[in-house]
Amino acid sequence: MSAPRQDLASLLKQTNLNDHSEILKAANASLKKSKSDITAHHARLIALLLLERYDDAAKVAQDDSPKLKQSTWEWLYAGYQKDDLDHATLKSPQDQPRGLLHLRAQALYRAEKFTEAAEIYDELSNGPEAEAEEFDLKINKAAVEAQLEWSSPGNSTRKHSREDMDTFESAFNAACGCIARRDFVPAQILLKRAEQLCSSSDDLSDDIKKTELPPILIQQAYVLSTLGKHEEATKLCESLAINDISDLPTRHLAYVNYLSSKETNPYLAHRGFYSTPAASSKDRPFQFQKSILDSNADTLNFQTHKSSAITASSTDSPSTIPQLLLAVQLAVIGKKSAHATTLIENFIKSDTVPESTRRSPGLIAVLTALYNSQSRNSEARSTLLSAATHSASSSTPNASLLHAAGAALLATGNDTDLPAAKKLFTKLLDLNSSDKRAAAGLVACGSTDKHLLSALTPASRLISQLDASALEDAGIPHTKPPTAPTKRAAPAGQTGGRKRRLAKSRMPKDYVEGKQMDPERWLPLKDRNSWRPKGRKGKARQAGLTQGGPVEEKETAAPRAGAEVAKAPPMKKKKGKSKK
């Protein structure tokens, strides 16, 4: 009889395997005997994860064992590691383990879904195990809130505090939040504190310090450059061993900051910008960073006259305002205003761009100007009115946009446009009761409110310097009809304008400076006085062509009286041979 078969769990209990490859071999051997062994599938999956074979791990959970996919978090971790964030951020049941919540929060952070990540960290902070994870939760939550400030300014209400100065991680995250709020002075202090704590820490190895310090120094260089301390920023960038930075996005950002602080030659800057190795999809920068880097790339391509690169990256489908405006500028330079208009129209209709960006006053102004240049005045007015209506309903209305839309509606002279213009001017007065332009707009709309009229400059003051009687006596001025333009006479003593110099290629071969040229040089040869025909027939022909010259008397004089006119002898007929 054969010995009873042992499963993988009992084999692992009897052996001492520390090598992940050996565990993987044992799991594969067990699965050859039984495809439904969940323990073997689980061991194989964990071994693949520890060996960093994330693609194979995800395939094991996806294809080989659907039950394993639903019952463990390793499948989600494999997707997170291979940057497949669609399934790594899937919402699990309410009774999901705490480790799975941490993993999902990290995946949401990497997928730039910061609001949902913040909600999970709030949930984790209130759990019974929060005290043991207090430090990690505090750091991760601060990082999420800083990203919220970057992506959606004003969404985070967190302010830096004294506790942020305790660790380099908390100081760095608080500094990033200050930078996102454009509060650079406290950001500089926090970054300096983060650098000191990281450099002097005894708990961190030298390798970890080499990984943690570059982002801190890069942010310091950015803050110094923004504060106008360019020399300090350049020195800080030069002190960085950029080529030794292991994280590719961090290395690229460090090099870009170094180039922006030192390099003034656009061609050298362009070469340096593209010299760093490309990052993988997993190491890609966040969207707000990518937008800035794309704008830098377009600017360098524009400065180095690489228009084809700009066309390929931004002209067809611009994703940011700088890319869009650059593409519009190139289209206008190329006299393609219709294409420039289409680019802005498509950008405004895009669902991937925030509405506040699509309706920004500068973008609406450019589109309105393009419409007016193409005599599309009605579309210009409707665009202005739509943007102004949206701005008026927001928490921070743009006064310039409301003024421009109201003035455009009044300029039509149509009574049907007056109600819309009146609403805009009323909103402007609500924002600023001393706005005389808005008061004048309401009066132009037909308002007879005494308060509005009193706020305007009285008509008597406007015409106080005018003499009405003198104007009436002068009558209506008559303007002379336009006459044909006449050439201005040359000043006395001058014979004419500047003499035009004849090109050498058009000068005759026998040209001599100062010598009078032949006045008949432009006439055909046969029409010149110096022309003499060759041959007997030519001379006879010239004798018969007087061309207005003196006529010889013997040829045209009448016969004298009594004289006989000599007759020409008759011509003799030539004899020919008779035909027979």
Protein backbone atom coordinates (compact mmCIF):
# COMPACT_ATOMS: atom_id res chain seq x y z
CA MET A 1 0.00 0.00 0.00
CA SER A 2 1.14 3.51 -0.76
CA ALA A 3 1.78 6.01 2.02
CA PRO A 4 -1.04 8.52 2.70
CA ARG A 5 -0.72 11.83 0.84
CA GLN A 6 0.25 14.82 2.96
CA ASP A 7 -0.99 18.31 2.15
CA LEU A 8 1.25 21.38 1.90
CA ALA A 9 0.33 22.67 5.35
CA SER A 10 1.60 19.53 7.08
CA LEU A 11 4.74 19.53 4.94
CA LEU A 12 5.51 23.15 5.86
CA LYS A 13 5.10 22.31 9.54
CA GLN A 14 7.63 19.50 9.27
CA THR A 15 10.22 21.52 7.34
CA ASN A 16 12.12 24.72 7.87
CA LEU A 17 12.13 26.63 4.57
CA ASN A 18 13.43 30.19 4.63
CA ASP A 19 14.00 30.50 0.89
CA HIS A 20 10.95 31.87 -0.93
CA SER A 21 11.96 30.01 -4.08
CA GLU A 22 11.87 26.70 -2.20
CA ILE A 23 8.42 27.52 -0.82
CA LEU A 24 7.26 28.30 -4.36
CA LYS A 25 8.59 24.93 -5.59
CA ALA A 26 6.83 23.09 -2.77
CA ALA A 27 3.55 24.90 -3.51
CA ASN A 28 3.78 24.08 -7.21
CA ALA A 29 4.47 20.43 -6.41
CA SER A 30 1.43 20.30 -4.15
CA LEU A 31 -0.78 21.93 -6.82
CA LYS A 32 0.21 19.24 -9.34
CA LYS A 33 -1.44 16.72 -7.06
CA SER A 34 -4.52 18.84 -6.23
CA LYS A 35 -5.60 21.92 -8.21
CA SER A 36 -8.16 22.85 -5.57
CA ASP A 37 -5.70 23.16 -2.67
CA ILE A 38 -6.39 26.72 -1.42
CA THR A 39 -3.48 26.56 1.02
CA ALA A 40 -1.06 25.76 -1.80
CA HIS A 41 -2.48 28.59 -3.91
CA HIS A 42 -2.11 30.96 -0.98
CA ALA A 43 1.47 29.91 -0.26
CA ARG A 44 2.35 30.23 -3.94
CA LEU A 45 0.84 33.72 -4.06
CA ILE A 46 2.74 34.94 -0.99
CA ALA A 47 6.00 33.47 -2.31
CA LEU A 48 5.56 35.29 -5.61
CA LEU A 49 4.89 38.55 -3.77
CA LEU A 50 8.00 38.12 -1.61
CA LEU A 51 10.00 37.41 -4.77
CA GLU A 52 8.53 40.66 -6.24
CA ARG A 53 6.98 38.75 -9.16
CA TYR A 54 3.84 40.86 -9.01
CA ASP A 55 2.54 40.09 -12.51
CA ASP A 56 2.66 36.35 -11.81
CA ALA A 57 1.06 36.88 -8.41
CA ALA A 58 -1.83 38.80 -9.90
CA LYS A 59 -2.31 36.10 -12.54
CA VAL A 60 -2.40 33.41 -9.85
CA ALA A 61 -5.19 35.20 -8.01
CA GLN A 62 -7.04 36.24 -11.16
CA ASP A 63 -7.00 33.06 -13.21
CA ASP A 64 -5.98 30.09 -11.09
CA SER A 65 -8.16 30.60 -8.03
CA PRO A 66 -11.14 32.99 -8.11
CA LYS A 67 -11.96 32.00 -4.56
CA LEU A 68 -8.51 33.14 -3.46
CA LYS A 69 -9.11 36.46 -5.21
CA GLN A 70 -12.18 37.13 -3.08
CA SER A 71 -10.83 35.87 0.25
CA THR A 72 -7.37 37.46 0.55
CA TRP A 73 -5.84 40.90 0.27
CA GLU A 74 -2.70 39.61 -1.45
CA TRP A 75 -4.41 39.93 -4.83
CA LEU A 76 -5.07 43.61 -4.17
CA TYR A 77 -1.49 44.09 -3.04
CA ALA A 78 -0.21 42.50 -6.25
CA GLY A 79 -2.35 44.89 -8.28
CA TYR A 80 -1.07 47.85 -6.27
CA GLN A 81 2.55 46.83 -6.82
CA LYS A 82 2.12 46.46 -10.59
CA ASP A 83 0.22 49.76 -10.76
CA ASP A 84 -3.12 48.19 -11.61
CA LEU A 85 -5.02 50.61 -9.40
CA ASP A 86 -8.46 49.82 -10.82
CA HIS A 87 -8.82 46.63 -8.82
CA ALA A 88 -6.53 47.74 -5.99
CA THR A 89 -9.02 50.47 -5.09
CA LEU A 90 -12.10 48.28 -5.25
CA LYS A 91 -14.40 48.74 -2.29
CA SER A 92 -14.52 45.64 -0.10
CA PRO A 93 -17.27 44.53 2.29
CA GLN A 94 -17.83 46.46 5.50
CA ASP A 95 -16.17 43.79 7.63
CA GLN A 96 -12.89 44.04 5.73
CA PRO A 97 -9.74 43.55 7.83
CA ARG A 98 -7.75 46.56 8.99
CA GLY A 99 -4.75 45.67 6.82
CA LEU A 100 -6.94 45.76 3.74
CA LEU A 101 -8.13 49.25 4.70
CA HIS A 102 -4.53 50.43 4.90
CA LEU A 103 -3.78 48.91 1.50
CA ARG A 104 -6.85 50.45 -0.10
CA ALA A 105 -6.01 53.89 1.34
CA GLN A 106 -2.50 53.65 -0.14
CA ALA A 107 -3.92 52.60 -3.53
CA LEU A 108 -6.42 55.49 -3.48
CA TYR A 109 -3.59 57.88 -2.65
CA ARG A 110 -1.57 56.59 -5.60
CA ALA A 111 -4.64 56.85 -7.85
CA GLU A 112 -4.95 60.53 -6.77
CA LYS A 113 -8.33 59.93 -5.13
CA PHE A 114 -7.30 61.92 -2.09
CA THR A 115 -10.77 62.62 -0.69
CA GLU A 116 -11.61 58.91 -0.46
CA ALA A 117 -8.18 58.15 1.02
CA ALA A 118 -8.73 60.82 3.68
CA GLU A 119 -12.06 59.24 4.61
CA ILE A 120 -10.42 55.84 5.14
CA TYR A 121 -7.70 57.36 7.33
CA ASP A 122 -10.39 59.08 9.40
CA GLU A 123 -12.05 55.69 9.84
CA LEU A 124 -8.77 54.06 10.84
CA SER A 125 -8.02 56.84 13.33
CA ASN A 126 -11.23 56.09 15.23
CA GLY A 127 -10.72 52.34 15.49
CA PRO A 128 -9.66 50.44 18.62
CA GLU A 129 -6.19 49.75 17.19
CA ALA A 130 -5.52 53.40 16.32
CA GLU A 131 -3.28 53.98 19.32
CA ALA A 132 -0.74 51.42 18.13
CA GLU A 133 -0.71 52.99 14.66
CA GLU A 134 -0.91 56.62 15.76
CA PHE A 135 2.41 57.70 14.22
CA ASP A 136 1.85 56.07 10.82
CA LEU A 137 -1.74 57.32 10.63
CA LYS A 138 -0.67 60.87 11.46
CA ILE A 139 2.04 60.90 8.78
CA ASN A 140 -0.12 59.34 6.06
CA LYS A 141 -3.09 61.56 6.81
CA ALA A 142 -0.90 64.68 6.66
CA ALA A 143 0.44 63.56 3.28
CA VAL A 144 -3.11 63.11 1.95
CA GLU A 145 -4.15 66.55 3.20
CA ALA A 146 -1.11 68.15 1.55
CA GLN A 147 -2.05 66.48 -1.75
CA LEU A 148 -5.61 67.77 -1.33
CA GLU A 149 -4.21 71.30 -1.15
CA TRP A 150 -2.19 70.74 -4.31
CA SER A 151 -5.01 69.21 -6.37
CA SER A 152 -7.97 71.21 -5.01
CA PRO A 153 -6.84 74.41 -3.25
CA GLY A 154 -8.98 75.28 -0.24
CA ASN A 155 -10.30 71.74 0.35
CA SER A 156 -7.99 71.04 3.29
CA THR A 157 -8.51 72.94 6.53
CA ARG A 158 -5.39 71.62 8.27
CA LYS A 159 -2.79 74.16 9.43
CA HIS A 160 0.72 73.43 10.62
CA SER A 161 1.31 73.27 14.37
CA ARG A 162 4.15 72.93 16.86
CA GLU A 163 3.80 69.14 16.79
CA ASP A 164 4.85 69.12 13.14
CA MET A 165 8.38 70.02 14.22
CA ASP A 166 8.87 66.74 16.12
CA THR A 167 9.75 64.42 13.21
CA PHE A 168 11.17 65.01 9.77
CA GLU A 169 8.18 63.29 8.11
CA SER A 170 5.61 65.52 9.79
CA ALA A 171 7.70 68.65 9.16
CA PHE A 172 8.04 67.76 5.47
CA ASN A 173 4.30 67.10 5.02
CA ALA A 174 3.41 70.34 6.81
CA ALA A 175 5.86 72.23 4.56
CA CYS A 176 4.22 70.73 1.45
CA GLY A 177 0.85 71.96 2.70
CA CYS A 178 2.28 75.46 3.17
CA ILE A 179 3.75 75.42 -0.34
CA ALA A 180 0.39 74.40 -1.76
CA ARG A 181 -1.18 77.40 0.02
CA ARG A 182 1.64 79.65 -1.35
CA ASP A 183 2.80 80.28 2.24
CA PHE A 184 6.55 80.05 1.57
CA VAL A 185 8.13 81.61 4.67
CA PRO A 186 6.89 78.98 7.16
CA ALA A 187 7.51 76.34 4.47
CA GLN A 188 11.20 77.30 4.43
CA ILE A 189 11.42 76.96 8.22
CA LEU A 190 9.67 73.57 8.22
CA LEU A 191 11.88 72.21 5.41
CA LYS A 192 15.03 73.32 7.21
CA ARG A 193 13.78 71.54 10.32
CA ALA A 194 12.99 68.39 8.32
CA GLU A 195 16.50 68.39 6.83
CA GLN A 196 18.14 68.73 10.26
CA LEU A 197 16.03 65.96 11.83
CA CYS A 198 16.65 63.56 8.94
CA SER A 199 20.40 64.19 8.78
CA SER A 200 20.96 63.85 12.54
CA SER A 201 18.68 60.85 13.16
CA ASP A 202 20.38 57.82 14.69
CA ASP A 203 17.46 55.54 13.81
CA LEU A 204 17.96 55.94 10.06
CA SER A 205 20.66 54.19 8.08
CA ASP A 206 22.77 56.03 5.54
CA ASP A 207 20.88 54.38 2.67
CA ILE A 208 17.53 55.53 4.05
CA LYS A 209 18.89 59.05 4.51
CA LYS A 210 20.01 59.09 0.86
CA THR A 211 16.44 58.23 -0.08
CA GLU A 212 14.66 60.67 2.25
CA LEU A 213 16.86 63.77 1.96
CA PRO A 214 16.58 64.55 -1.82
CA PRO A 215 12.82 65.36 -1.77
CA ILE A 216 13.38 67.70 1.20
CA LEU A 217 16.26 69.50 -0.53
CA ILE A 218 14.36 69.74 -3.82
CA GLN A 219 11.45 71.44 -2.05
CA GLN A 220 13.91 73.77 -0.33
CA ALA A 221 15.38 74.79 -3.69
CA TYR A 222 11.90 75.47 -5.06
CA VAL A 223 10.95 77.61 -2.04
CA LEU A 224 14.22 79.58 -2.18
CA SER A 225 13.79 80.23 -5.90
CA THR A 226 10.19 81.37 -5.36
CA LEU A 227 11.31 83.74 -2.60
CA GLY A 228 13.86 85.29 -4.99
CA LYS A 229 16.91 83.67 -3.35
CA HIS A 230 18.26 82.32 -6.61
CA GLU A 231 21.92 82.03 -5.56
CA GLU A 232 21.02 79.92 -2.52
CA ALA A 233 18.74 77.77 -4.66
CA THR A 234 21.50 77.18 -7.21
CA LYS A 235 24.02 76.21 -4.53
CA LEU A 236 21.53 73.81 -2.99
CA CYS A 237 20.86 72.17 -6.37
CA GLU A 238 24.59 71.85 -7.02
CA SER A 239 25.09 70.17 -3.64
CA LEU A 240 22.67 67.41 -4.63
CA ALA A 241 24.17 64.27 -6.14
CA ILE A 242 21.41 64.12 -8.74
CA ASN A 243 22.69 61.04 -10.56
CA ASP A 244 22.72 59.08 -7.28
CA ILE A 245 19.00 59.61 -6.60
CA SER A 246 17.34 56.22 -6.99
CA ASP A 247 13.74 57.44 -7.43
CA LEU A 248 13.45 58.47 -11.10
CA PRO A 249 10.68 61.11 -10.73
CA THR A 250 12.63 62.72 -7.86
CA ARG A 251 15.80 62.70 -9.95
CA HIS A 252 14.00 64.35 -12.87
CA LEU A 253 12.47 67.03 -10.63
CA ALA A 254 15.87 67.75 -9.08
CA TYR A 255 17.43 68.17 -12.51
CA VAL A 256 14.61 70.39 -13.75
CA ASN A 257 14.97 72.67 -10.71
CA TYR A 258 18.73 72.77 -11.27
CA LEU A 259 18.27 73.75 -14.92
CA SER A 260 15.69 76.42 -14.11
CA SER A 261 17.98 78.02 -11.54
CA LYS A 262 21.17 78.02 -13.61
CA GLU A 263 20.82 77.28 -17.34
CA THR A 264 19.93 80.25 -19.56
CA ASN A 265 20.71 78.67 -22.94
CA PRO A 266 17.42 77.09 -24.12
CA TYR A 267 19.20 74.49 -26.26
CA LEU A 268 21.34 73.24 -23.37
CA ALA A 269 18.29 73.33 -21.10
CA HIS A 270 16.34 71.28 -23.66
CA ARG A 271 19.08 68.66 -23.87
CA GLY A 272 19.33 68.47 -20.09
CA PHE A 273 15.57 68.27 -19.65
CA TYR A 274 15.40 65.08 -21.74
CA SER A 275 18.67 63.58 -20.45
CA THR A 276 17.19 61.89 -17.35
CA PRO A 277 15.88 58.33 -17.86
CA ALA A 278 12.14 57.94 -18.25
CA ALA A 279 10.19 56.74 -15.22
CA SER A 280 7.94 53.70 -15.30
CA SER A 281 4.19 53.97 -15.08
CA LYS A 282 4.34 53.10 -11.39
CA ASP A 283 6.84 55.88 -10.67
CA ARG A 284 5.03 58.51 -12.69
CA PRO A 285 4.57 61.94 -11.03
CA PHE A 286 1.21 63.16 -9.81
CA GLN A 287 -1.04 65.00 -12.23
CA PHE A 288 -0.30 68.48 -10.89
CA GLN A 289 3.42 67.76 -11.26
CA LYS A 290 2.96 66.30 -14.74
CA SER A 291 1.08 69.40 -15.88
CA ILE A 292 4.00 71.64 -14.87
CA LEU A 293 6.55 69.32 -16.49
CA ASP A 294 4.51 69.18 -19.72
CA SER A 295 4.36 72.98 -19.77
CA ASN A 296 8.14 73.14 -19.28
CA ALA A 297 8.64 70.71 -22.15
CA ASP A 298 6.40 72.76 -24.46
CA THR A 299 8.19 75.97 -23.48
CA LEU A 300 11.61 74.47 -24.22
CA ASN A 301 10.38 73.05 -27.53
CA PHE A 302 8.99 76.46 -28.43
CA GLN A 303 12.26 78.23 -27.54
CA THR A 304 14.30 75.74 -29.56
CA HIS A 305 11.93 75.94 -32.56
CA LYS A 306 10.82 72.30 -32.29
CA SER A 307 7.29 73.01 -33.46
CA SER A 308 6.66 69.40 -34.50
CA ALA A 309 7.14 68.23 -30.90
CA ILE A 310 4.69 70.88 -29.68
CA THR A 311 2.16 69.86 -32.31
CA ALA A 312 2.43 66.21 -31.34
CA SER A 313 2.07 66.85 -27.60
CA SER A 314 -0.38 69.71 -27.28
CA THR A 315 -1.94 71.04 -30.46
CA ASP A 316 -4.30 68.12 -31.08
CA SER A 317 -5.58 67.57 -27.55
CA PRO A 318 -4.24 70.05 -24.97
CA SER A 319 -4.84 68.91 -21.40
CA THR A 320 -3.76 72.02 -19.46
CA ILE A 321 -4.20 75.75 -19.80
CA PRO A 322 -0.49 76.44 -20.63
CA GLN A 323 -0.52 73.75 -23.33
CA LEU A 324 -3.76 75.10 -24.72
CA LEU A 325 -2.59 78.72 -24.86
CA LEU A 326 0.68 77.67 -26.51
CA ALA A 327 -1.21 75.67 -29.12
CA VAL A 328 -3.56 78.60 -29.72
CA GLN A 329 -0.60 80.97 -30.12
CA LEU A 330 1.01 78.67 -32.68
CA ALA A 331 -2.26 78.41 -34.59
CA VAL A 332 -2.73 82.19 -34.64
CA ILE A 333 0.87 82.71 -35.79
CA GLY A 334 0.20 80.26 -38.60
CA LYS A 335 -2.94 82.25 -39.54
CA LYS A 336 -5.23 79.42 -38.48
CA SER A 337 -7.58 81.31 -36.19
CA ALA A 338 -10.43 78.89 -36.91
CA HIS A 339 -8.30 76.01 -35.64
CA ALA A 340 -7.36 78.04 -32.55
CA THR A 341 -11.04 78.65 -31.85
CA THR A 342 -11.83 74.95 -32.20
CA LEU A 343 -9.08 74.05 -29.74
CA ILE A 344 -10.56 76.30 -27.03
CA GLU A 345 -14.11 75.14 -27.76
CA ASN A 346 -13.10 71.48 -27.38
CA PHE A 347 -11.18 72.27 -24.19
CA ILE A 348 -14.20 74.00 -22.67
CA LYS A 349 -16.43 71.01 -23.52
CA SER A 350 -14.00 68.49 -21.99
CA ASP A 351 -15.31 66.63 -18.94
CA THR A 352 -11.82 65.87 -17.63
CA VAL A 353 -11.00 69.54 -16.97
CA PRO A 354 -12.41 71.26 -13.85
CA GLU A 355 -15.22 73.68 -14.59
CA SER A 356 -13.42 76.52 -12.85
CA THR A 357 -10.53 76.09 -15.30
CA ARG A 358 -12.78 75.82 -18.35
CA ARG A 359 -14.54 79.05 -17.41
CA SER A 360 -11.48 81.03 -16.32
CA PRO A 361 -11.73 84.72 -17.34
CA GLY A 362 -8.47 84.69 -19.30
CA LEU A 363 -9.56 81.74 -21.42
CA ILE A 364 -12.97 83.30 -22.07
CA ALA A 365 -11.25 86.56 -23.07
CA VAL A 366 -9.08 84.75 -25.64
CA LEU A 367 -12.05 82.89 -27.09
CA THR A 368 -14.12 86.10 -27.27
CA ALA A 369 -11.28 87.91 -29.05
CA LEU A 370 -11.04 85.08 -31.59
CA TYR A 371 -14.79 85.21 -32.19
CA ASN A 372 -14.69 88.98 -32.74
CA SER A 373 -11.76 88.66 -35.15
CA GLN A 374 -13.89 86.28 -37.22
CA SER A 375 -16.96 88.59 -37.05
CA ARG A 376 -18.81 86.03 -34.91
CA ASN A 377 -20.14 88.69 -32.58
CA SER A 378 -23.24 86.83 -31.44
CA GLU A 379 -21.18 83.83 -30.34
CA ALA A 380 -18.78 86.15 -28.52
CA ARG A 381 -21.68 87.67 -26.58
CA SER A 382 -23.23 84.31 -25.74
CA THR A 383 -19.87 83.00 -24.51
CA LEU A 384 -19.37 86.06 -22.32
CA LEU A 385 -22.90 85.84 -20.96
CA SER A 386 -22.59 82.12 -20.14
CA ALA A 387 -19.27 82.60 -18.34
CA ALA A 388 -20.51 85.69 -16.49
CA THR A 389 -23.69 83.92 -15.38
CA HIS A 390 -21.65 81.03 -14.00
CA SER A 391 -19.23 83.41 -12.29
CA ALA A 392 -22.09 85.41 -10.74
CA SER A 393 -23.48 82.24 -9.14
CA SER A 394 -20.12 81.20 -7.67
CA SER A 395 -18.75 82.14 -4.27
CA THR A 396 -16.08 84.41 -5.80
CA PRO A 397 -17.56 86.25 -8.82
CA ASN A 398 -15.13 87.88 -11.24
CA ALA A 399 -16.02 91.57 -11.59
CA SER A 400 -14.11 92.08 -14.85
CA LEU A 401 -16.00 89.24 -16.50
CA LEU A 402 -19.35 90.62 -15.36
CA HIS A 403 -18.48 94.12 -16.60
CA ALA A 404 -17.39 92.83 -20.02
CA ALA A 405 -20.56 90.75 -20.46
CA GLY A 406 -22.83 93.62 -19.39
CA ALA A 407 -21.13 96.10 -21.74
CA ALA A 408 -21.36 93.61 -24.64
CA LEU A 409 -25.11 93.20 -24.06
CA LEU A 410 -25.66 96.97 -23.95
CA ALA A 411 -23.69 97.41 -27.18
CA THR A 412 -26.25 95.38 -29.14
CA GLY A 413 -28.93 98.05 -28.69
CA ASN A 414 -31.60 95.35 -28.40
CA ASP A 415 -34.22 95.72 -25.67
CA THR A 416 -34.29 91.92 -25.27
CA ASP A 417 -30.70 91.99 -23.92
CA LEU A 418 -31.43 94.59 -21.24
CA PRO A 419 -32.82 92.19 -18.56
CA ALA A 420 -29.69 90.02 -18.65
CA ALA A 421 -27.43 93.08 -18.54
CA LYS A 422 -29.45 94.48 -15.63
CA LYS A 423 -28.92 91.28 -13.61
CA LEU A 424 -25.16 91.44 -14.13
CA PHE A 425 -24.88 95.11 -13.12
CA THR A 426 -27.09 94.48 -10.10
CA LYS A 427 -24.75 91.66 -9.02
CA LEU A 428 -21.79 94.00 -9.41
CA LEU A 429 -23.43 96.60 -7.17
CA ASP A 430 -24.10 93.89 -4.58
CA LEU A 431 -20.40 93.11 -4.60
CA ASN A 432 -19.31 96.75 -4.51
CA SER A 433 -21.86 99.46 -3.79
CA SER A 434 -19.44 102.20 -4.96
CA ASP A 435 -18.94 100.69 -8.43
CA LYS A 436 -19.76 103.63 -10.72
CA ARG A 437 -19.45 101.53 -13.87
CA ALA A 438 -22.14 99.17 -12.60
CA ALA A 439 -24.35 102.12 -11.63
CA ALA A 440 -23.91 103.64 -15.08
CA GLY A 441 -24.77 100.27 -16.63
CA LEU A 442 -28.02 100.08 -14.69
CA VAL A 443 -28.93 103.61 -15.73
CA ALA A 444 -28.19 102.65 -19.35
CA CYS A 445 -30.56 99.70 -18.87
CA GLY A 446 -33.35 102.18 -18.09
CA SER A 447 -33.19 102.42 -14.30
CA THR A 448 -34.42 105.71 -12.82
CA ASP A 449 -33.31 105.02 -9.25
CA LYS A 450 -32.33 108.31 -7.62
CA HIS A 451 -29.57 106.65 -5.60
CA LEU A 452 -27.95 105.40 -8.81
CA LEU A 453 -28.23 108.78 -10.47
CA SER A 454 -26.75 110.52 -7.45
CA ALA A 455 -23.78 108.16 -7.49
CA LEU A 456 -22.89 109.24 -11.03
CA THR A 457 -21.11 112.45 -11.99
CA PRO A 458 -23.75 115.14 -12.70
CA ALA A 459 -24.14 116.16 -16.32
CA SER A 460 -23.68 119.82 -15.34
CA ARG A 461 -20.15 119.03 -14.14
CA LEU A 462 -19.33 117.16 -17.30
CA ILE A 463 -20.34 120.09 -19.55
CA SER A 464 -19.19 122.90 -17.27
CA GLN A 465 -16.26 123.75 -19.55
CA LEU A 466 -18.38 123.85 -22.70
CA ASP A 467 -19.97 127.01 -24.17
CA ALA A 468 -23.31 125.87 -25.52
CA SER A 469 -24.06 129.22 -27.22
CA ALA A 470 -20.78 129.22 -29.09
CA LEU A 471 -21.42 125.69 -30.27
CA GLU A 472 -24.88 126.63 -31.54
CA ASP A 473 -23.54 129.72 -33.34
CA ALA A 474 -20.82 127.69 -34.98
CA GLY A 475 -23.45 125.35 -36.37
CA ILE A 476 -22.73 121.93 -37.72
CA PRO A 477 -19.15 121.66 -39.01
CA HIS A 478 -18.88 120.73 -42.66
CA THR A 479 -16.20 118.32 -43.68
CA LYS A 480 -14.51 118.52 -47.04
CA PRO A 481 -15.06 115.59 -49.36
CA PRO A 482 -12.06 113.32 -49.58
CA THR A 483 -9.71 114.19 -52.40
CA ALA A 484 -7.22 112.08 -54.23
CA PRO A 485 -3.89 111.96 -52.45
CA THR A 486 -1.25 114.21 -53.96
CA LYS A 487 2.46 113.73 -53.91
CA ARG A 488 4.33 116.01 -51.54
CA ALA A 489 6.58 118.46 -53.33
CA ALA A 490 10.28 118.16 -52.71
CA PRO A 491 11.87 120.90 -50.53
CA ALA A 492 13.59 123.79 -52.25
CA GLY A 493 17.10 123.02 -53.36
CA GLN A 494 16.42 119.32 -53.76
CA THR A 495 15.88 117.77 -57.15
CA GLY A 496 14.15 114.66 -55.95
CA GLY A 497 14.32 111.75 -53.64
CA ARG A 498 17.21 109.44 -53.06
CA LYS A 499 18.68 108.00 -56.23
CA ARG A 500 18.08 104.35 -56.59
CA ARG A 501 21.24 102.34 -57.10
CA LEU A 502 21.17 99.91 -60.00
CA ALA A 503 22.10 96.33 -59.22
CA LYS A 504 25.38 95.14 -60.75
CA SER A 505 23.63 92.25 -62.44
CA ARG A 506 21.52 94.73 -64.44
CA MET A 507 24.40 97.02 -65.51
CA PRO A 508 25.69 96.84 -69.14
CA LYS A 509 29.09 95.30 -69.66
CA ASP A 510 30.55 98.59 -71.01
CA TYR A 511 29.12 100.71 -68.17
CA VAL A 512 31.42 103.51 -67.01
CA GLU A 513 30.71 105.59 -63.88
CA GLY A 514 29.64 109.17 -64.86
CA LYS A 515 29.29 108.43 -68.60
CA GLN A 516 25.98 109.37 -70.27
CA MET A 517 24.22 106.19 -71.29
CA ASP A 518 22.61 105.71 -74.69
CA PRO A 519 19.00 107.00 -74.45
CA GLU A 520 17.91 104.45 -77.07
CA ARG A 521 19.33 101.47 -75.13
CA TRP A 522 15.84 100.12 -74.37
CA LEU A 523 14.65 100.21 -78.02
CA PRO A 524 14.89 97.19 -80.31
CA LEU A 525 17.99 97.22 -82.54
CA LYS A 526 16.06 97.85 -85.77
CA ASP A 527 14.44 100.96 -84.24
CA ARG A 528 17.70 102.64 -83.21
CA ASN A 529 19.36 105.40 -85.30
CA SER A 530 22.63 103.54 -85.20
CA TRP A 531 21.18 100.48 -86.88
CA ARG A 532 22.61 99.68 -90.32
CA PRO A 533 21.25 96.73 -92.27
CA LYS A 534 23.50 94.22 -93.87
CA GLY A 535 23.33 93.04 -97.50
CA ARG A 536 21.87 94.57 -100.69
CA LYS A 537 18.27 93.73 -99.89
CA GLY A 538 18.56 95.21 -96.44
CA LYS A 539 19.97 98.49 -97.75
CA ALA A 540 17.24 98.67 -100.42
CA ARG A 541 14.62 98.09 -97.73
CA GLN A 542 16.13 100.84 -95.59
CA ALA A 543 16.01 103.25 -98.55
CA GLY A 544 12.26 102.72 -98.83
CA LEU A 545 11.61 103.20 -95.09
CA THR A 546 12.05 106.86 -94.24
CA GLN A 547 10.73 106.57 -90.66
CA GLY A 548 9.97 110.29 -90.70
CA GLY A 549 13.35 111.35 -92.15
CA PRO A 550 14.02 113.74 -95.10
CA VAL A 551 12.53 112.69 -98.41
CA GLU A 552 14.74 112.82 -101.47
CA GLU A 553 13.38 115.23 -104.11
CA LYS A 554 14.14 113.00 -107.09
CA GLU A 555 11.92 110.30 -105.71
CA THR A 556 8.83 112.39 -104.93
CA ALA A 557 9.10 115.61 -107.08
CA ALA A 558 6.38 116.20 -109.75
CA PRO A 559 7.43 116.26 -113.53
CA ARG A 560 8.30 119.66 -114.96
CA ALA A 561 6.07 121.25 -117.64
CA GLY A 562 6.90 120.27 -121.21
CA ALA A 563 9.06 117.45 -120.18
CA GLU A 564 8.37 113.96 -121.32
CA VAL A 565 7.79 111.21 -118.94
CA ALA A 566 10.01 108.33 -119.77
CA LYS A 567 8.23 105.05 -120.08
CA ALA A 568 9.71 101.85 -118.96
CA PRO A 569 10.45 99.44 -121.81
CA PRO A 570 8.06 96.52 -122.11
CA MET A 571 9.21 93.33 -120.48
CA LYS A 572 10.27 90.61 -122.85
CA LYS A 573 8.54 87.29 -122.58
CA LYS A 574 10.84 84.42 -121.90
CA LYS A 575 10.70 81.65 -124.40
CA GLY A 576 10.00 78.27 -123.05
CA LYS A 577 10.00 74.84 -124.46
CA SER A 578 6.76 73.78 -126.03
CA LYS A 579 5.14 70.79 -124.63
CA LYS A 580 4.36 68.09 -127.09
